[in-house]
Amino acid sequence: MKTINKIVVVLLTFFISTIPVLSQENTKDKSDFPVLTGSYLGQKPPGMTPEVFAPGIVSISDYHEHSSPFFTKDGKEVYWSAQCMYEGESNQRIFFMKLENGKWIPPEILDFTKKFHGGGPVFSLDEKRLYFYSCRPKPFKERFDNLHIWYVEKTNTGWSEPAKMSQPINSEKSESNPTFTPEGTMYFDSKREGGKGNNDIYRSQFINGKFNKPQNLGEAINTKETEYAPCIAPDESYIIFSRYTEEPKGVQLYISFHRPDDSWTKAEKMSEKDNRLKNSNGHRNCKYDRIRYFYHIRYYCRNAS
């Protein structure tokens, strides 16, 4: 049986940080923001000991981080989403930071998610589009049956107006958590008709400039339970995803390996250290980069090669 010893997973634990904690109402106050320089906000590469990623900056005690941080290829921009208060309303919003003149600017909310729900940011391969999920224009409380995949395009002045992806990616049901392979194949989760359970994982290959009809990954991965938040290896050799079950109640990370005949091995629960906290109603996910990140229960990890 294949092993996953090339992946080192590190649990992000909770602790009180000595770095000034930024609430949403004071992210514009740069006077007390610490000086951050270097790659990955100046954080040291993760090892085997659990650490919080960027405490007080990305991992904040009064926020509910709701995505992994996604760094651009040049490492000079980072995006993530978190549940937070803004103008008296709790919603999921997308944050970003940028390296300017050798220093990281304080976190800011992208304008198009200030008033509307938005999460799970991930760039297209050419980094001209930023994909995310949103229930707009529905209110946040109605998100579970109205999530869809949206995108914005980079312009000379910022970002275009958000556009909802058309069929075959979006359906009349909910879709969320897009992630891409280097070839452009999109993996995502959906509640669309014809699935195996409440929420399944799908993939759509990008061929001749368009996304093909999404394929359900099958019973080896999808069950009567809720599968979501896929994390696909760059070479598609394995996929890590979350599975929520009612009995026992909670979320666990699972892994499945991709066979040469395009089938998948039966998904297996990852080791106890990778599923350190049980009975959590949170989410887990990752985006591939030189460092691998997971979120809530908050993880980050690195390639052990």
Protein backbone atom coordinates (compact mmCIF):
# COMPACT_ATOMS: atom_id res chain seq x y z
CA MET A 1 0.00 0.00 0.00
CA LYS A 2 1.24 3.49 -0.80
CA THR A 3 2.40 5.68 2.03
CA ILE A 4 2.24 9.41 2.45
CA ASN A 5 5.62 9.92 4.06
CA LYS A 6 6.35 12.72 1.61
CA ILE A 7 3.79 14.86 3.37
CA VAL A 8 4.47 16.33 6.77
CA VAL A 9 1.32 17.71 8.38
CA VAL A 10 1.57 20.13 11.25
CA LEU A 11 -1.36 21.02 13.49
CA LEU A 12 -1.83 24.70 14.08
CA THR A 13 -2.60 25.04 17.77
CA PHE A 14 -4.25 27.95 19.50
CA PHE A 15 -2.29 30.21 21.81
CA ILE A 16 -2.07 33.85 22.88
CA SER A 17 0.25 35.67 20.53
CA THR A 18 2.59 38.45 21.49
CA ILE A 19 2.01 39.99 18.07
CA PRO A 20 -0.68 42.69 18.18
CA VAL A 21 -4.05 41.13 17.39
CA LEU A 22 -5.84 42.85 14.53
CA SER A 23 -9.60 43.11 14.75
CA GLN A 24 -11.54 43.91 11.60
CA GLU A 25 -12.23 47.42 12.76
CA ASN A 26 -8.55 48.36 13.01
CA THR A 27 -6.94 46.69 10.00
CA LYS A 28 -6.57 50.14 8.48
CA ASP A 29 -4.52 51.31 11.47
CA LYS A 30 -0.96 50.61 10.38
CA SER A 31 0.74 52.33 13.29
CA ASP A 32 0.99 49.23 15.49
CA PHE A 33 1.39 46.68 12.70
CA PRO A 34 4.60 44.65 13.11
CA VAL A 35 7.31 44.82 10.47
CA LEU A 36 7.10 41.64 8.40
CA THR A 37 9.73 40.85 5.78
CA GLY A 38 10.77 37.84 3.73
CA SER A 39 8.94 34.87 2.28
CA TYR A 40 5.63 33.69 3.74
CA LEU A 41 5.19 36.80 5.90
CA GLY A 42 8.58 36.10 7.45
CA GLN A 43 7.34 32.91 9.11
CA LYS A 44 9.84 30.12 9.62
CA PRO A 45 9.24 26.95 7.56
CA PRO A 46 7.13 24.41 9.49
CA GLY A 47 8.64 21.32 11.02
CA MET A 48 7.23 18.50 13.13
CA THR A 49 6.23 20.68 16.08
CA PRO A 50 2.72 22.24 15.94
CA GLU A 51 2.77 25.96 15.26
CA VAL A 52 0.29 28.69 14.52
CA PHE A 53 0.75 30.26 11.09
CA ALA A 54 1.24 34.03 11.31
CA PRO A 55 -0.43 34.44 14.74
CA GLY A 56 -2.21 37.75 15.16
CA ILE A 57 -1.91 38.37 11.41
CA VAL A 58 -3.66 35.49 9.63
CA SER A 59 -4.55 33.29 12.59
CA ILE A 60 -6.52 35.61 14.85
CA SER A 61 -8.30 34.63 18.04
CA ASP A 62 -11.56 36.46 17.31
CA TYR A 63 -11.76 35.29 13.67
CA HIS A 64 -12.81 31.98 12.19
CA GLU A 65 -10.30 31.34 9.41
CA HIS A 66 -12.18 29.69 6.58
CA SER A 67 -9.57 28.92 3.95
CA SER A 68 -5.90 28.23 3.59
CA PRO A 69 -3.65 31.15 2.67
CA PHE A 70 -2.98 31.22 -1.07
CA PHE A 71 0.31 32.77 -2.16
CA THR A 72 0.93 34.00 -5.69
CA LYS A 73 3.76 32.35 -7.61
CA ASP A 74 6.19 35.18 -6.90
CA GLY A 75 5.35 34.98 -3.19
CA LYS A 76 4.53 38.69 -3.02
CA GLU A 77 0.77 38.44 -2.42
CA VAL A 78 -1.32 36.24 -0.13
CA TYR A 79 -5.09 35.75 0.03
CA TRP A 80 -7.32 33.95 2.53
CA SER A 81 -10.86 34.12 3.89
CA ALA A 82 -12.19 34.44 7.42
CA GLN A 83 -15.49 34.84 9.23
CA CYS A 84 -15.41 38.28 10.82
CA MET A 85 -17.38 41.36 11.73
CA TYR A 86 -17.45 44.31 9.34
CA GLU A 87 -19.71 47.32 9.82
CA GLY A 88 -21.65 45.35 12.42
CA GLU A 89 -22.29 42.31 10.22
CA SER A 90 -20.70 38.88 10.55
CA ASN A 91 -19.79 37.38 7.20
CA GLN A 92 -17.06 35.42 5.45
CA ARG A 93 -14.68 37.78 3.64
CA ILE A 94 -11.49 37.57 1.60
CA PHE A 95 -8.35 39.21 2.95
CA PHE A 96 -5.09 39.96 1.21
CA MET A 97 -1.61 41.19 1.99
CA LYS A 98 1.10 42.40 -0.37
CA LEU A 99 4.87 42.74 -0.17
CA GLU A 100 5.75 46.37 -0.91
CA ASN A 101 9.26 47.80 -0.68
CA GLY A 102 10.40 44.69 1.15
CA LYS A 103 7.66 44.84 3.80
CA TRP A 104 4.22 43.20 4.07
CA ILE A 105 1.31 45.63 4.25
CA PRO A 106 -1.39 45.00 6.90
CA PRO A 107 -4.32 42.72 5.94
CA GLU A 108 -7.09 44.34 3.93
CA ILE A 109 -10.49 43.08 2.83
CA LEU A 110 -11.07 42.86 -0.92
CA ASP A 111 -13.76 45.39 -1.79
CA PHE A 112 -16.06 42.90 -3.49
CA THR A 113 -16.39 40.83 -0.30
CA LYS A 114 -17.01 43.69 2.15
CA LYS A 115 -20.77 43.49 1.77
CA PHE A 116 -21.20 40.00 0.34
CA HIS A 117 -20.12 36.55 1.48
CA GLY A 118 -16.94 35.25 -0.18
CA GLY A 119 -14.40 32.56 0.66
CA GLY A 120 -11.85 30.01 -0.53
CA PRO A 121 -9.77 32.27 -2.82
CA VAL A 122 -7.62 30.53 -5.44
CA PHE A 123 -5.96 31.91 -8.57
CA SER A 124 -6.14 30.59 -12.10
CA LEU A 125 -2.85 29.28 -13.49
CA ASP A 126 -2.03 32.58 -15.20
CA GLU A 127 -3.10 34.46 -12.05
CA LYS A 128 -5.39 36.71 -14.07
CA ARG A 129 -8.50 35.36 -12.35
CA LEU A 130 -9.24 34.92 -8.68
CA TYR A 131 -11.86 32.23 -8.06
CA PHE A 132 -13.90 32.03 -4.89
CA TYR A 133 -17.24 30.76 -3.63
CA SER A 134 -20.11 33.00 -2.64
CA CYS A 135 -23.84 32.97 -1.97
CA ARG A 136 -24.27 36.54 -3.27
CA PRO A 137 -26.73 38.19 -3.45
CA LYS A 138 -28.32 35.94 -0.81
CA PRO A 139 -27.56 36.76 2.84
CA PHE A 140 -24.93 34.70 4.66
CA LYS A 141 -27.53 32.81 6.69
CA GLU A 142 -28.85 31.26 3.46
CA ARG A 143 -25.41 30.23 2.19
CA PHE A 144 -25.70 26.43 2.48
CA ASP A 145 -28.15 26.05 -0.38
CA ASN A 146 -26.91 28.95 -2.47
CA LEU A 147 -23.12 28.70 -2.74
CA HIS A 148 -21.64 28.94 -6.22
CA ILE A 149 -18.22 29.46 -7.76
CA TRP A 150 -17.46 33.03 -8.85
CA TYR A 151 -14.42 34.86 -10.15
CA VAL A 152 -12.96 38.32 -10.63
CA GLU A 153 -10.32 39.38 -13.12
CA LYS A 154 -7.30 41.54 -12.45
CA THR A 155 -7.46 44.94 -14.12
CA ASN A 156 -5.15 47.94 -14.27
CA THR A 157 -7.16 49.54 -11.47
CA GLY A 158 -7.88 46.52 -9.29
CA TRP A 159 -10.57 43.92 -9.90
CA SER A 160 -13.47 43.47 -12.27
CA GLU A 161 -17.01 43.00 -11.04
CA PRO A 162 -17.57 39.44 -9.72
CA ALA A 163 -18.91 37.02 -12.33
CA LYS A 164 -20.67 33.77 -11.59
CA MET A 165 -19.33 30.76 -13.46
CA SER A 166 -21.88 29.30 -15.85
CA GLN A 167 -22.76 25.69 -16.47
CA PRO A 168 -21.36 23.08 -16.47
CA ILE A 169 -19.44 24.16 -13.32
CA ASN A 170 -22.33 25.74 -11.46
CA SER A 171 -25.68 24.00 -11.21
CA GLU A 172 -28.99 24.78 -9.55
CA LYS A 173 -27.52 23.40 -6.33
CA SER A 174 -24.44 24.56 -4.39
CA GLU A 175 -20.79 24.42 -5.51
CA SER A 176 -17.70 25.52 -3.61
CA ASN A 177 -13.99 25.03 -2.85
CA PRO A 178 -12.42 25.08 -6.34
CA THR A 179 -8.80 23.98 -6.69
CA PHE A 180 -6.71 23.50 -9.84
CA THR A 181 -4.04 21.22 -11.29
CA PRO A 182 -1.19 22.66 -13.38
CA GLU A 183 -3.08 21.45 -16.48
CA GLY A 184 -6.13 23.49 -15.49
CA THR A 185 -8.42 20.70 -14.28
CA MET A 186 -10.76 22.01 -11.58
CA TYR A 187 -11.68 19.89 -8.56
CA PHE A 188 -14.55 21.16 -6.44
CA ASP A 189 -17.47 19.99 -4.33
CA SER A 190 -21.16 20.17 -5.19
CA LYS A 191 -24.64 19.23 -4.04
CA ARG A 192 -25.82 18.78 -7.63
CA GLU A 193 -28.32 16.12 -8.61
CA GLY A 194 -27.00 12.63 -9.29
CA GLY A 195 -24.45 12.56 -6.48
CA LYS A 196 -23.69 9.77 -4.03
CA GLY A 197 -24.65 11.70 -0.91
CA ASN A 198 -25.32 15.13 0.54
CA ASN A 199 -22.26 16.71 -1.05
CA ASP A 200 -19.73 15.13 -3.44
CA ILE A 201 -16.37 15.91 -5.01
CA TYR A 202 -16.16 16.44 -8.77
CA ARG A 203 -13.57 17.31 -11.37
CA SER A 204 -13.85 19.20 -14.66
CA GLN A 205 -11.06 19.08 -17.23
CA PHE A 206 -10.14 22.26 -19.07
CA ILE A 207 -9.93 21.35 -22.76
CA ASN A 208 -9.88 23.64 -25.80
CA GLY A 209 -10.48 26.70 -23.68
CA LYS A 210 -13.48 25.49 -21.72
CA PHE A 211 -14.42 23.30 -18.78
CA ASN A 212 -15.93 19.94 -19.64
CA LYS A 213 -18.92 18.35 -17.93
CA PRO A 214 -17.92 17.66 -14.29
CA GLN A 215 -17.24 14.02 -13.37
CA ASN A 216 -18.20 12.59 -10.00
CA LEU A 217 -15.10 10.96 -8.50
CA GLY A 218 -17.13 7.89 -7.65
CA GLU A 219 -17.87 5.68 -4.69
CA ALA A 220 -14.21 5.23 -3.75
CA ILE A 221 -14.31 8.86 -2.57
CA ASN A 222 -17.93 9.96 -2.37
CA THR A 223 -20.36 8.33 0.07
CA LYS A 224 -23.78 9.00 1.55
CA GLU A 225 -21.99 11.41 3.90
CA THR A 226 -20.69 14.91 3.07
CA GLU A 227 -17.39 15.11 1.17
CA TYR A 228 -15.94 18.55 0.48
CA ALA A 229 -12.87 20.83 0.39
CA PRO A 230 -10.70 18.78 -2.03
CA CYS A 231 -6.95 19.23 -2.13
CA ILE A 232 -5.48 17.69 -5.27
CA ALA A 233 -1.78 16.89 -5.68
CA PRO A 234 -0.14 18.83 -8.54
CA ASP A 235 0.34 15.60 -10.51
CA GLU A 236 -3.11 14.31 -9.45
CA SER A 237 -1.48 11.29 -7.82
CA TYR A 238 -3.61 11.69 -4.69
CA ILE A 239 -6.40 13.79 -3.27
CA ILE A 240 -6.99 14.87 0.33
CA PHE A 241 -10.47 15.99 1.33
CA SER A 242 -12.81 16.47 4.28
CA ARG A 243 -15.66 14.15 5.20
CA TYR A 244 -18.39 15.20 7.61
CA THR A 245 -20.36 12.45 9.30
CA GLU A 246 -23.34 12.58 11.62
CA GLU A 247 -22.36 9.40 13.46
CA PRO A 248 -19.89 9.95 14.91
CA LYS A 249 -20.50 13.67 14.49
CA GLY A 250 -17.47 15.49 13.17
CA VAL A 251 -15.05 16.14 10.32
CA GLN A 252 -12.03 14.05 9.37
CA LEU A 253 -9.39 14.22 6.66
CA TYR A 254 -9.31 11.40 4.10
CA ILE A 255 -6.88 10.49 1.33
CA SER A 256 -7.28 8.55 -1.92
CA PHE A 257 -4.65 7.64 -4.53
CA HIS A 258 -5.11 7.99 -8.27
CA ARG A 259 -4.50 4.79 -10.25
CA PRO A 260 -3.04 4.68 -13.80
CA ASP A 261 -6.44 3.57 -15.16
CA ASP A 262 -7.98 6.83 -13.83
CA SER A 263 -9.76 5.09 -10.96
CA TRP A 264 -9.23 5.96 -7.30
CA THR A 265 -8.33 3.81 -4.32
CA LYS A 266 -10.93 3.59 -1.56
CA ALA A 267 -10.48 6.69 0.57
CA GLU A 268 -8.92 6.08 3.96
CA LYS A 269 -8.95 8.23 7.04
CA MET A 270 -5.61 9.91 7.54
CA SER A 271 -3.54 9.20 10.62
CA GLU A 272 -4.51 10.30 14.09
CA LYS A 273 -1.90 13.05 14.08
CA ASP A 274 -3.42 14.43 10.88
CA ASN A 275 -6.88 14.34 12.46
CA ARG A 276 -5.72 15.58 15.84
CA LEU A 277 -8.99 17.14 16.94
CA LYS A 278 -12.18 15.09 16.74
CA ASN A 279 -15.82 16.08 16.65
CA SER A 280 -15.07 19.39 15.00
CA ASN A 281 -17.65 21.20 12.92
CA GLY A 282 -14.93 23.16 11.16
CA HIS A 283 -13.32 22.68 7.80
CA ARG A 284 -10.02 21.44 6.48
CA ASN A 285 -8.45 22.22 3.18
CA CYS A 286 -5.19 23.01 1.45
CA LYS A 287 -3.82 24.81 -1.54
CA TYR A 288 -0.62 23.57 -3.11
CA ASP A 289 2.48 25.71 -2.93
CA ARG A 290 6.02 25.09 -1.77
CA ILE A 291 4.48 24.95 1.66
CA ARG A 292 1.19 23.11 1.98
CA TYR A 293 -1.53 24.73 4.03
CA PHE A 294 -4.65 23.35 5.65
CA TYR A 295 -7.29 25.24 7.56
CA HIS A 296 -9.51 24.68 10.59
CA ILE A 297 -8.67 22.54 12.37
CA ARG A 298 -5.87 24.87 11.34
CA TYR A 299 -2.96 23.09 9.69
CA TYR A 300 0.03 23.94 7.65
CA CYS A 301 2.54 21.51 6.28
CA ARG A 302 5.46 21.24 3.91
CA ASN A 303 6.84 18.80 1.39
CA ALA A 304 9.28 16.55 3.22
CA SER A 305 11.40 15.85 0.12
